[in-house]
Amino acid sequence: MYRARGSMAAIGHMKGVADLFGIPLSGLPAWLVWRAYYLSQMPTLGRKLRIFVDLAKESVNLPPRTLRLVALFAGAMVGGFTAGRFRSTRICGAQLLKCFGVGLLMGWGSLLIPGGNDGLILVGIPLLWPYAWIAFLTMCVTIGAALLVERSMAGQGVEQAFH
């Protein structure tokens, strides 16, 4: 039985409409989703790059925030392609929960640092501010502890639940 995943259409310069999995989108977000899907369906990397360059040329007059969003999508696509992971995969609930949980923890952690991660890396550490070094060392210790926990869980077979 066939089930449509949604529909998309470009309706003008950087404007679109979409209904994906029952979620309606319009304007620039819909257009970006449409372009990302369109690029993903191109058969060769060369063609994808040519289309992306054409898209970038059209986007010269965009606000910096939009250009960063386009660059983020492009970088994710190129990174996925070069890593050999540029394919559609199904994810289970445990994987989704793991990704959202880690993202939530990272977001909360960045709120604890004055100026966020950028302020920590670009200002605090080079200026030898004590809070920056404490925050950096805390992050390193936490990442190390998480890796140790992950290794111990992998030995118990729990890691298979996330893959």
C-alpha atoms as a PDB file:
ATOM      1  CA  MET A   1       0.000   0.000   0.000  1.00  0.00           C
ATOM      2  CA  TYR A   2       1.430   3.339  -1.043  1.00  0.00           C
ATOM      3  CA  ARG A   3       1.454   6.238   1.408  1.00  0.00           C
ATOM      4  CA  ALA A   4       2.526   9.664   0.296  1.00  0.00           C
ATOM      5  CA  ARG A   5       5.114  11.295   2.543  1.00  0.00           C
ATOM      6  CA  GLY A   6       4.035  14.732   1.478  1.00  0.00           C
ATOM      7  CA  SER A   7       4.194  17.245  -1.320  1.00  0.00           C
ATOM      8  CA  MET A   8       6.343  20.272  -2.053  1.00  0.00           C
ATOM      9  CA  ALA A   9       6.389  23.102  -4.553  1.00  0.00           C
ATOM     10  CA  ALA A  10       8.501  26.158  -5.228  1.00  0.00           C
ATOM     11  CA  ILE A  11       6.221  29.129  -5.844  1.00  0.00           C
ATOM     12  CA  GLY A  12       8.679  31.927  -6.474  1.00  0.00           C
ATOM     13  CA  HIS A  13      12.090  33.242  -5.618  1.00  0.00           C
ATOM     14  CA  MET A  14      12.983  31.510  -2.350  1.00  0.00           C
ATOM     15  CA  LYS A  15       9.355  30.807  -1.522  1.00  0.00           C
ATOM     16  CA  GLY A  16       7.657  27.469  -1.347  1.00  0.00           C
ATOM     17  CA  VAL A  17       4.898  25.426   0.170  1.00  0.00           C
ATOM     18  CA  ALA A  18       5.140  21.932   1.572  1.00  0.00           C
ATOM     19  CA  ASP A  19       3.180  19.388   3.503  1.00  0.00           C
ATOM     20  CA  LEU A  20       5.609  16.799   4.890  1.00  0.00           C
ATOM     21  CA  PHE A  21       4.274  13.963   7.001  1.00  0.00           C
ATOM     22  CA  GLY A  22       1.267  16.148   7.800  1.00  0.00           C
ATOM     23  CA  ILE A  23       3.388  19.160   8.834  1.00  0.00           C
ATOM     24  CA  PRO A  24       2.613  22.259   6.756  1.00  0.00           C
ATOM     25  CA  LEU A  25       5.496  24.572   5.817  1.00  0.00           C
ATOM     26  CA  SER A  26       5.541  27.768   3.804  1.00  0.00           C
ATOM     27  CA  GLY A  27       7.955  30.450   2.713  1.00  0.00           C
ATOM     28  CA  LEU A  28      11.717  30.077   2.998  1.00  0.00           C
ATOM     29  CA  PRO A  29      11.714  26.909   5.188  1.00  0.00           C
ATOM     30  CA  ALA A  30       9.561  25.059   2.646  1.00  0.00           C
ATOM     31  CA  TRP A  31      11.743  26.261  -0.212  1.00  0.00           C
ATOM     32  CA  LEU A  32      14.926  25.113   1.602  1.00  0.00           C
ATOM     33  CA  VAL A  33      13.440  21.668   2.240  1.00  0.00           C
ATOM     34  CA  TRP A  34      12.419  21.439  -1.411  1.00  0.00           C
ATOM     35  CA  ARG A  35      15.924  22.439  -2.591  1.00  0.00           C
ATOM     36  CA  ALA A  36      17.610  20.002  -0.183  1.00  0.00           C
ATOM     37  CA  TYR A  37      15.426  17.162  -1.455  1.00  0.00           C
ATOM     38  CA  TYR A  38      15.998  18.206  -5.055  1.00  0.00           C
ATOM     39  CA  LEU A  39      19.769  18.191  -4.526  1.00  0.00           C
ATOM     40  CA  SER A  40      19.645  14.813  -2.802  1.00  0.00           C
ATOM     41  CA  GLN A  41      17.987  13.295  -5.882  1.00  0.00           C
ATOM     42  CA  MET A  42      20.695  14.385  -8.311  1.00  0.00           C
ATOM     43  CA  PRO A  43      22.693  11.360  -9.504  1.00  0.00           C
ATOM     44  CA  THR A  44      26.279  12.663  -9.353  1.00  0.00           C
ATOM     45  CA  LEU A  45      28.285  14.796  -6.968  1.00  0.00           C
ATOM     46  CA  GLY A  46      29.340  17.050  -9.856  1.00  0.00           C
ATOM     47  CA  ARG A  47      25.744  17.818 -10.738  1.00  0.00           C
ATOM     48  CA  LYS A  48      24.882  18.422  -7.078  1.00  0.00           C
ATOM     49  CA  LEU A  49      27.762  20.876  -6.745  1.00  0.00           C
ATOM     50  CA  ARG A  50      26.822  22.733  -9.949  1.00  0.00           C
ATOM     51  CA  ILE A  51      23.239  23.110  -8.765  1.00  0.00           C
ATOM     52  CA  PHE A  52      24.392  24.204  -5.322  1.00  0.00           C
ATOM     53  CA  VAL A  53      26.725  26.833  -6.828  1.00  0.00           C
ATOM     54  CA  ASP A  54      23.841  28.140  -8.942  1.00  0.00           C
ATOM     55  CA  LEU A  55      21.709  28.306  -5.810  1.00  0.00           C
ATOM     56  CA  ALA A  56      24.462  30.186  -3.965  1.00  0.00           C
ATOM     57  CA  LYS A  57      24.724  32.699  -6.839  1.00  0.00           C
ATOM     58  CA  GLU A  58      20.981  33.344  -6.601  1.00  0.00           C
ATOM     59  CA  SER A  59      21.279  33.807  -2.845  1.00  0.00           C
ATOM     60  CA  VAL A  60      23.844  36.619  -2.801  1.00  0.00           C
ATOM     61  CA  ASN A  61      21.332  39.162  -1.545  1.00  0.00           C
ATOM     62  CA  LEU A  62      20.161  37.034   1.366  1.00  0.00           C
ATOM     63  CA  PRO A  63      20.564  38.028   5.003  1.00  0.00           C
ATOM     64  CA  PRO A  64      23.587  36.447   6.720  1.00  0.00           C
ATOM     65  CA  ARG A  65      21.390  34.196   8.877  1.00  0.00           C
ATOM     66  CA  THR A  66      19.815  32.620   5.773  1.00  0.00           C
ATOM     67  CA  LEU A  67      23.204  32.177   4.110  1.00  0.00           C
ATOM     68  CA  ARG A  68      24.460  30.372   7.215  1.00  0.00           C
ATOM     69  CA  LEU A  69      21.433  28.081   7.119  1.00  0.00           C
ATOM     70  CA  VAL A  70      22.066  27.233   3.462  1.00  0.00           C
ATOM     71  CA  ALA A  71      25.756  26.641   4.231  1.00  0.00           C
ATOM     72  CA  LEU A  72      24.758  24.365   7.124  1.00  0.00           C
ATOM     73  CA  PHE A  73      22.576  22.231   4.849  1.00  0.00           C
ATOM     74  CA  ALA A  74      25.253  22.128   2.166  1.00  0.00           C
ATOM     75  CA  GLY A  75      27.944  21.163   4.646  1.00  0.00           C
ATOM     76  CA  ALA A  76      25.766  18.403   6.067  1.00  0.00           C
ATOM     77  CA  MET A  77      25.086  17.056   2.591  1.00  0.00           C
ATOM     78  CA  VAL A  78      28.728  17.134   1.514  1.00  0.00           C
ATOM     79  CA  GLY A  79      29.841  15.657   4.835  1.00  0.00           C
ATOM     80  CA  GLY A  80      27.301  12.863   4.560  1.00  0.00           C
ATOM     81  CA  PHE A  81      28.294  12.137   0.983  1.00  0.00           C
ATOM     82  CA  THR A  82      32.032  12.081   1.653  1.00  0.00           C
ATOM     83  CA  ALA A  83      31.546   9.872   4.729  1.00  0.00           C
ATOM     84  CA  GLY A  84      29.540   7.400   2.663  1.00  0.00           C
ATOM     85  CA  ARG A  85      26.422   8.045   4.748  1.00  0.00           C
ATOM     86  CA  PHE A  86      24.405  10.025   2.234  1.00  0.00           C
ATOM     87  CA  ARG A  87      21.382   7.746   2.194  1.00  0.00           C
ATOM     88  CA  SER A  88      17.978   7.551   3.734  1.00  0.00           C
ATOM     89  CA  THR A  89      17.862   5.452   6.886  1.00  0.00           C
ATOM     90  CA  ARG A  90      15.222   4.679   9.436  1.00  0.00           C
ATOM     91  CA  ILE A  91      15.964   5.566  13.009  1.00  0.00           C
ATOM     92  CA  CYS A  92      14.434   3.952  16.040  1.00  0.00           C
ATOM     93  CA  GLY A  93      12.951   5.750  19.010  1.00  0.00           C
ATOM     94  CA  ALA A  94      16.010   5.050  21.163  1.00  0.00           C
ATOM     95  CA  GLN A  95      18.310   6.753  18.637  1.00  0.00           C
ATOM     96  CA  LEU A  96      16.010   9.747  18.388  1.00  0.00           C
ATOM     97  CA  LEU A  97      15.809  10.022  22.161  1.00  0.00           C
ATOM     98  CA  LYS A  98      19.605   9.758  22.430  1.00  0.00           C
ATOM     99  CA  CYS A  99      20.154  12.542  19.866  1.00  0.00           C
ATOM    100  CA  PHE A 100      17.604  14.898  21.405  1.00  0.00           C
ATOM    101  CA  GLY A 101      18.884  14.160  24.903  1.00  0.00           C
ATOM    102  CA  VAL A 102      22.480  14.941  23.982  1.00  0.00           C
ATOM    103  CA  GLY A 103      21.420  18.103  22.146  1.00  0.00           C
ATOM    104  CA  LEU A 104      19.377  19.223  25.128  1.00  0.00           C
ATOM    105  CA  LEU A 105      22.309  18.671  27.479  1.00  0.00           C
ATOM    106  CA  MET A 106      24.634  20.604  25.161  1.00  0.00           C
ATOM    107  CA  GLY A 107      22.158  23.474  24.960  1.00  0.00           C
ATOM    108  CA  TRP A 108      21.767  23.635  28.736  1.00  0.00           C
ATOM    109  CA  GLY A 109      25.522  23.443  29.174  1.00  0.00           C
ATOM    110  CA  SER A 110      26.095  26.367  26.836  1.00  0.00           C
ATOM    111  CA  LEU A 111      23.628  28.440  28.871  1.00  0.00           C
ATOM    112  CA  LEU A 112      25.801  27.984  31.964  1.00  0.00           C
ATOM    113  CA  ILE A 113      28.814  29.589  30.267  1.00  0.00           C
ATOM    114  CA  PRO A 114      28.784  33.406  30.079  1.00  0.00           C
ATOM    115  CA  GLY A 115      28.731  34.238  26.370  1.00  0.00           C
ATOM    116  CA  GLY A 116      27.998  30.625  25.358  1.00  0.00           C
ATOM    117  CA  ASN A 117      30.448  28.311  23.654  1.00  0.00           C
ATOM    118  CA  ASP A 118      31.639  30.990  21.228  1.00  0.00           C
ATOM    119  CA  GLY A 119      32.497  33.330  24.084  1.00  0.00           C
ATOM    120  CA  LEU A 120      34.307  30.505  25.833  1.00  0.00           C
ATOM    121  CA  ILE A 121      36.427  29.449  22.868  1.00  0.00           C
ATOM    122  CA  LEU A 122      37.012  32.786  21.142  1.00  0.00           C
ATOM    123  CA  VAL A 123      37.323  35.109  24.128  1.00  0.00           C
ATOM    124  CA  GLY A 124      37.565  33.416  27.514  1.00  0.00           C
ATOM    125  CA  ILE A 125      40.277  30.838  26.859  1.00  0.00           C
ATOM    126  CA  PRO A 126      42.629  33.118  24.871  1.00  0.00           C
ATOM    127  CA  LEU A 127      42.305  35.802  27.576  1.00  0.00           C
ATOM    128  CA  LEU A 128      42.988  33.200  30.289  1.00  0.00           C
ATOM    129  CA  TRP A 129      39.781  33.933  32.153  1.00  0.00           C
ATOM    130  CA  PRO A 130      39.451  31.438  35.032  1.00  0.00           C
ATOM    131  CA  TYR A 131      35.777  30.616  34.389  1.00  0.00           C
ATOM    132  CA  ALA A 132      36.587  29.703  30.795  1.00  0.00           C
ATOM    133  CA  TRP A 133      39.297  27.242  31.780  1.00  0.00           C
ATOM    134  CA  ILE A 134      37.103  25.714  34.483  1.00  0.00           C
ATOM    135  CA  ALA A 135      34.255  25.318  31.994  1.00  0.00           C
ATOM    136  CA  PHE A 136      36.587  23.834  29.372  1.00  0.00           C
ATOM    137  CA  LEU A 137      38.111  21.343  31.822  1.00  0.00           C
ATOM    138  CA  THR A 138      34.645  20.407  33.091  1.00  0.00           C
ATOM    139  CA  MET A 139      33.537  19.702  29.523  1.00  0.00           C
ATOM    140  CA  CYS A 140      36.619  17.549  28.911  1.00  0.00           C
ATOM    141  CA  VAL A 141      36.065  15.553  32.102  1.00  0.00           C
ATOM    142  CA  THR A 142      32.367  15.114  31.311  1.00  0.00           C
ATOM    143  CA  ILE A 143      33.085  13.921  27.771  1.00  0.00           C
ATOM    144  CA  GLY A 144      35.700  11.499  29.114  1.00  0.00           C
ATOM    145  CA  ALA A 145      33.263  10.163  31.713  1.00  0.00           C
ATOM    146  CA  ALA A 146      30.554   9.729  29.064  1.00  0.00           C
ATOM    147  CA  LEU A 147      32.959   7.766  26.864  1.00  0.00           C
ATOM    148  CA  LEU A 148      33.859   5.498  29.787  1.00  0.00           C
ATOM    149  CA  VAL A 149      30.184   4.901  30.556  1.00  0.00           C
ATOM    150  CA  GLU A 150      29.494   4.169  26.877  1.00  0.00           C
ATOM    151  CA  ARG A 151      32.341   1.618  26.759  1.00  0.00           C
ATOM    152  CA  SER A 152      31.124  -0.094  29.903  1.00  0.00           C
ATOM    153  CA  MET A 153      27.573  -0.212  28.528  1.00  0.00           C
ATOM    154  CA  ALA A 154      28.823  -1.644  25.231  1.00  0.00           C
ATOM    155  CA  GLY A 155      30.374  -4.528  27.135  1.00  0.00           C
ATOM    156  CA  GLN A 156      26.982  -5.295  28.690  1.00  0.00           C
ATOM    157  CA  GLY A 157      25.105  -5.337  25.387  1.00  0.00           C
ATOM    158  CA  VAL A 158      23.179  -2.132  26.109  1.00  0.00           C
ATOM    159  CA  GLU A 159      24.830  -0.336  23.178  1.00  0.00           C
ATOM    160  CA  GLN A 160      22.986  -2.593  20.707  1.00  0.00           C
ATOM    161  CA  ALA A 161      19.738  -0.995  21.853  1.00  0.00           C
ATOM    162  CA  PHE A 162      20.853   2.317  20.353  1.00  0.00           C
ATOM    163  CA  HIS A 163      21.844   0.871  16.950  1.00  0.00           C
END
